[in-house]
């Protein structure tokens, strides 16, 4: 079954690519063009009804970068539901705080490297 994506989701994803946060911009510079482990990442990729910050189809990895707004009770609950939905599709979801990406990028990339290695081994 080939379901078409809702046009408003595609439009919103495009607008999110054009207004990336500093952390998203930095992460994209590190992931784009197969620079990281020769893996192809997409940014602001739609998996209806959600839009992923970064997605690698090859290993089934979703990377979410979270700002302070994700620390509220409602956001924590929403993120948990979203992760549960994506994991039910067989995807691995990892989250990093924006400040981690901006201030500890080496640690973030080291952790991401380990996760990607394990996912590649599992495939």
C-alpha atoms as a PDB file:
ATOM      1  CA  UNK A   1       0.000   0.000   0.000  1.00  0.00           C
ATOM      2  CA  UNK A   2       1.544   3.293  -1.104  1.00  0.00           C
ATOM      3  CA  UNK A   3       0.103   6.032   1.107  1.00  0.00           C
ATOM      4  CA  UNK A   4       0.744   9.586  -0.016  1.00  0.00           C
ATOM      5  CA  UNK A   5       2.018  11.924   2.645  1.00  0.00           C
ATOM      6  CA  UNK A   6      -0.190  14.765   3.682  1.00  0.00           C
ATOM      7  CA  UNK A   7       0.887  17.968   1.883  1.00  0.00           C
ATOM      8  CA  UNK A   8       0.780  20.034   5.083  1.00  0.00           C
ATOM      9  CA  UNK A   9       3.322  17.687   6.718  1.00  0.00           C
ATOM     10  CA  UNK A  10       5.674  17.998   3.750  1.00  0.00           C
ATOM     11  CA  UNK A  11       5.294  21.787   3.748  1.00  0.00           C
ATOM     12  CA  UNK A  12       5.941  21.954   7.492  1.00  0.00           C
ATOM     13  CA  UNK A  13       9.022  19.713   7.180  1.00  0.00           C
ATOM     14  CA  UNK A  14      10.387  21.980   4.450  1.00  0.00           C
ATOM     15  CA  UNK A  15       9.828  25.078   6.577  1.00  0.00           C
ATOM     16  CA  UNK A  16      11.556  23.361   9.515  1.00  0.00           C
ATOM     17  CA  UNK A  17      14.610  22.649   7.324  1.00  0.00           C
ATOM     18  CA  UNK A  18      14.758  26.343   6.472  1.00  0.00           C
ATOM     19  CA  UNK A  19      14.544  27.445  10.107  1.00  0.00           C
ATOM     20  CA  UNK A  20      16.838  24.940  11.803  1.00  0.00           C
ATOM     21  CA  UNK A  21      18.111  25.561  15.311  1.00  0.00           C
ATOM     22  CA  UNK A  22      21.851  26.061  15.834  1.00  0.00           C
ATOM     23  CA  UNK A  23      22.096  22.490  17.159  1.00  0.00           C
ATOM     24  CA  UNK A  24      20.219  21.070  14.152  1.00  0.00           C
ATOM     25  CA  UNK A  25      22.409  23.053  11.776  1.00  0.00           C
ATOM     26  CA  UNK A  26      25.599  21.776  13.427  1.00  0.00           C
ATOM     27  CA  UNK A  27      24.371  18.168  13.490  1.00  0.00           C
ATOM     28  CA  UNK A  28      23.372  18.378   9.831  1.00  0.00           C
ATOM     29  CA  UNK A  29      26.841  19.617   8.881  1.00  0.00           C
ATOM     30  CA  UNK A  30      28.258  16.501  10.571  1.00  0.00           C
ATOM     31  CA  UNK A  31      25.760  13.979   9.156  1.00  0.00           C
ATOM     32  CA  UNK A  32      25.077  15.228   5.629  1.00  0.00           C
ATOM     33  CA  UNK A  33      26.495  13.720   2.438  1.00  0.00           C
ATOM     34  CA  UNK A  34      27.357  10.395   4.106  1.00  0.00           C
ATOM     35  CA  UNK A  35      30.114  12.056   6.153  1.00  0.00           C
ATOM     36  CA  UNK A  36      29.264  10.065   9.272  1.00  0.00           C
ATOM     37  CA  UNK A  37      30.027   6.337   8.954  1.00  0.00           C
ATOM     38  CA  UNK A  38      29.055   6.514   5.264  1.00  0.00           C
ATOM     39  CA  UNK A  39      25.383   6.534   6.333  1.00  0.00           C
ATOM     40  CA  UNK A  40      22.756   8.546   4.469  1.00  0.00           C
ATOM     41  CA  UNK A  41      20.768  10.752   6.814  1.00  0.00           C
ATOM     42  CA  UNK A  42      17.730  12.821   5.949  1.00  0.00           C
ATOM     43  CA  UNK A  43      16.694  15.851   7.932  1.00  0.00           C
ATOM     44  CA  UNK A  44      13.143  16.778   8.857  1.00  0.00           C
ATOM     45  CA  UNK A  45      11.951  13.476   7.409  1.00  0.00           C
ATOM     46  CA  UNK A  46       8.241  12.682   7.592  1.00  0.00           C
ATOM     47  CA  UNK A  47       7.077   9.418   9.113  1.00  0.00           C
ATOM     48  CA  UNK A  48       3.398  10.298   9.413  1.00  0.00           C
ATOM     49  CA  UNK A  49       2.096  11.676  11.606  1.00  0.00           C
ATOM     50  CA  UNK A  50       5.513  12.876  12.824  1.00  0.00           C
ATOM     51  CA  UNK A  51       8.523  14.729  11.456  1.00  0.00           C
ATOM     52  CA  UNK A  52      11.927  13.377  12.515  1.00  0.00           C
ATOM     53  CA  UNK A  53      14.861  15.749  13.043  1.00  0.00           C
ATOM     54  CA  UNK A  54      17.222  13.218  11.418  1.00  0.00           C
ATOM     55  CA  UNK A  55      16.533   9.777   9.975  1.00  0.00           C
ATOM     56  CA  UNK A  56      18.707   7.004   8.562  1.00  0.00           C
ATOM     57  CA  UNK A  57      16.645   4.414   6.708  1.00  0.00           C
ATOM     58  CA  UNK A  58      19.580   2.008   6.259  1.00  0.00           C
ATOM     59  CA  UNK A  59      19.854   1.258   9.977  1.00  0.00           C
ATOM     60  CA  UNK A  60      16.403   2.409  11.140  1.00  0.00           C
ATOM     61  CA  UNK A  61      17.662   5.274  13.286  1.00  0.00           C
ATOM     62  CA  UNK A  62      15.804   8.407  14.331  1.00  0.00           C
ATOM     63  CA  UNK A  63      17.792  11.223  15.973  1.00  0.00           C
ATOM     64  CA  UNK A  64      15.872  13.895  17.844  1.00  0.00           C
ATOM     65  CA  UNK A  65      17.437  17.086  19.160  1.00  0.00           C
ATOM     66  CA  UNK A  66      15.532  18.587  22.056  1.00  0.00           C
ATOM     67  CA  UNK A  67      15.455  22.123  23.391  1.00  0.00           C
ATOM     68  CA  UNK A  68      14.226  23.274  26.781  1.00  0.00           C
ATOM     69  CA  UNK A  69      10.574  23.059  25.711  1.00  0.00           C
ATOM     70  CA  UNK A  70      10.936  19.261  25.795  1.00  0.00           C
ATOM     71  CA  UNK A  71      11.424  19.344  29.580  1.00  0.00           C
ATOM     72  CA  UNK A  72       7.779  20.070  30.421  1.00  0.00           C
ATOM     73  CA  UNK A  73       5.490  17.291  31.635  1.00  0.00           C
ATOM     74  CA  UNK A  74       3.299  17.497  28.509  1.00  0.00           C
ATOM     75  CA  UNK A  75       6.306  17.398  26.178  1.00  0.00           C
ATOM     76  CA  UNK A  76       7.856  14.447  28.031  1.00  0.00           C
ATOM     77  CA  UNK A  77       4.580  12.529  27.655  1.00  0.00           C
ATOM     78  CA  UNK A  78       4.268  13.486  23.965  1.00  0.00           C
ATOM     79  CA  UNK A  79       7.878  12.480  23.251  1.00  0.00           C
ATOM     80  CA  UNK A  80       7.359   9.143  25.005  1.00  0.00           C
ATOM     81  CA  UNK A  81       4.249   8.408  22.904  1.00  0.00           C
ATOM     82  CA  UNK A  82       6.080   9.429  19.751  1.00  0.00           C
ATOM     83  CA  UNK A  83       9.065   7.203  20.580  1.00  0.00           C
ATOM     84  CA  UNK A  84       6.751   4.280  21.352  1.00  0.00           C
ATOM     85  CA  UNK A  85       5.038   4.724  17.965  1.00  0.00           C
ATOM     86  CA  UNK A  86       8.366   4.827  16.099  1.00  0.00           C
ATOM     87  CA  UNK A  87       9.819   1.879  18.030  1.00  0.00           C
ATOM     88  CA  UNK A  88       6.701  -0.140  17.127  1.00  0.00           C
ATOM     89  CA  UNK A  89       7.775   0.425  13.500  1.00  0.00           C
ATOM     90  CA  UNK A  90      11.132  -1.164  14.360  1.00  0.00           C
ATOM     91  CA  UNK A  91      13.044   2.123  14.574  1.00  0.00           C
ATOM     92  CA  UNK A  92      15.624   3.102  17.193  1.00  0.00           C
ATOM     93  CA  UNK A  93      15.059   6.585  18.636  1.00  0.00           C
ATOM     94  CA  UNK A  94      17.888   8.518  20.271  1.00  0.00           C
ATOM     95  CA  UNK A  95      17.590  11.960  21.811  1.00  0.00           C
ATOM     96  CA  UNK A  96      20.176  14.592  22.548  1.00  0.00           C
ATOM     97  CA  UNK A  97      19.684  17.953  24.183  1.00  0.00           C
ATOM     98  CA  UNK A  98      20.552  20.954  22.031  1.00  0.00           C
ATOM     99  CA  UNK A  99      23.104  22.132  24.600  1.00  0.00           C
ATOM    100  CA  UNK A 100      24.838  18.721  24.419  1.00  0.00           C
ATOM    101  CA  UNK A 101      25.215  19.021  20.654  1.00  0.00           C
ATOM    102  CA  UNK A 102      26.482  22.599  20.897  1.00  0.00           C
ATOM    103  CA  UNK A 103      28.799  22.155  23.906  1.00  0.00           C
ATOM    104  CA  UNK A 104      29.796  18.464  23.902  1.00  0.00           C
ATOM    105  CA  UNK A 105      29.637  17.497  20.232  1.00  0.00           C
ATOM    106  CA  UNK A 106      32.508  14.994  20.531  1.00  0.00           C
ATOM    107  CA  UNK A 107      30.668  13.077  23.261  1.00  0.00           C
ATOM    108  CA  UNK A 108      27.440  13.134  21.249  1.00  0.00           C
ATOM    109  CA  UNK A 109      29.210  11.833  18.142  1.00  0.00           C
ATOM    110  CA  UNK A 110      31.012   9.125  20.123  1.00  0.00           C
ATOM    111  CA  UNK A 111      27.699   7.942  21.574  1.00  0.00           C
ATOM    112  CA  UNK A 112      26.056   8.096  18.148  1.00  0.00           C
ATOM    113  CA  UNK A 113      28.950   6.129  16.614  1.00  0.00           C
ATOM    114  CA  UNK A 114      28.434   3.308  19.153  1.00  0.00           C
ATOM    115  CA  UNK A 115      24.680   3.230  18.492  1.00  0.00           C
ATOM    116  CA  UNK A 116      25.180   3.161  14.714  1.00  0.00           C
ATOM    117  CA  UNK A 117      27.773   0.371  14.966  1.00  0.00           C
ATOM    118  CA  UNK A 118      25.368  -1.761  16.990  1.00  0.00           C
ATOM    119  CA  UNK A 119      22.496  -1.100  14.574  1.00  0.00           C
ATOM    120  CA  UNK A 120      24.709  -1.934  11.585  1.00  0.00           C
ATOM    121  CA  UNK A 121      25.762  -5.194  13.275  1.00  0.00           C
ATOM    122  CA  UNK A 122      22.130  -6.064  13.966  1.00  0.00           C
ATOM    123  CA  UNK A 123      21.134  -5.653  10.298  1.00  0.00           C
END
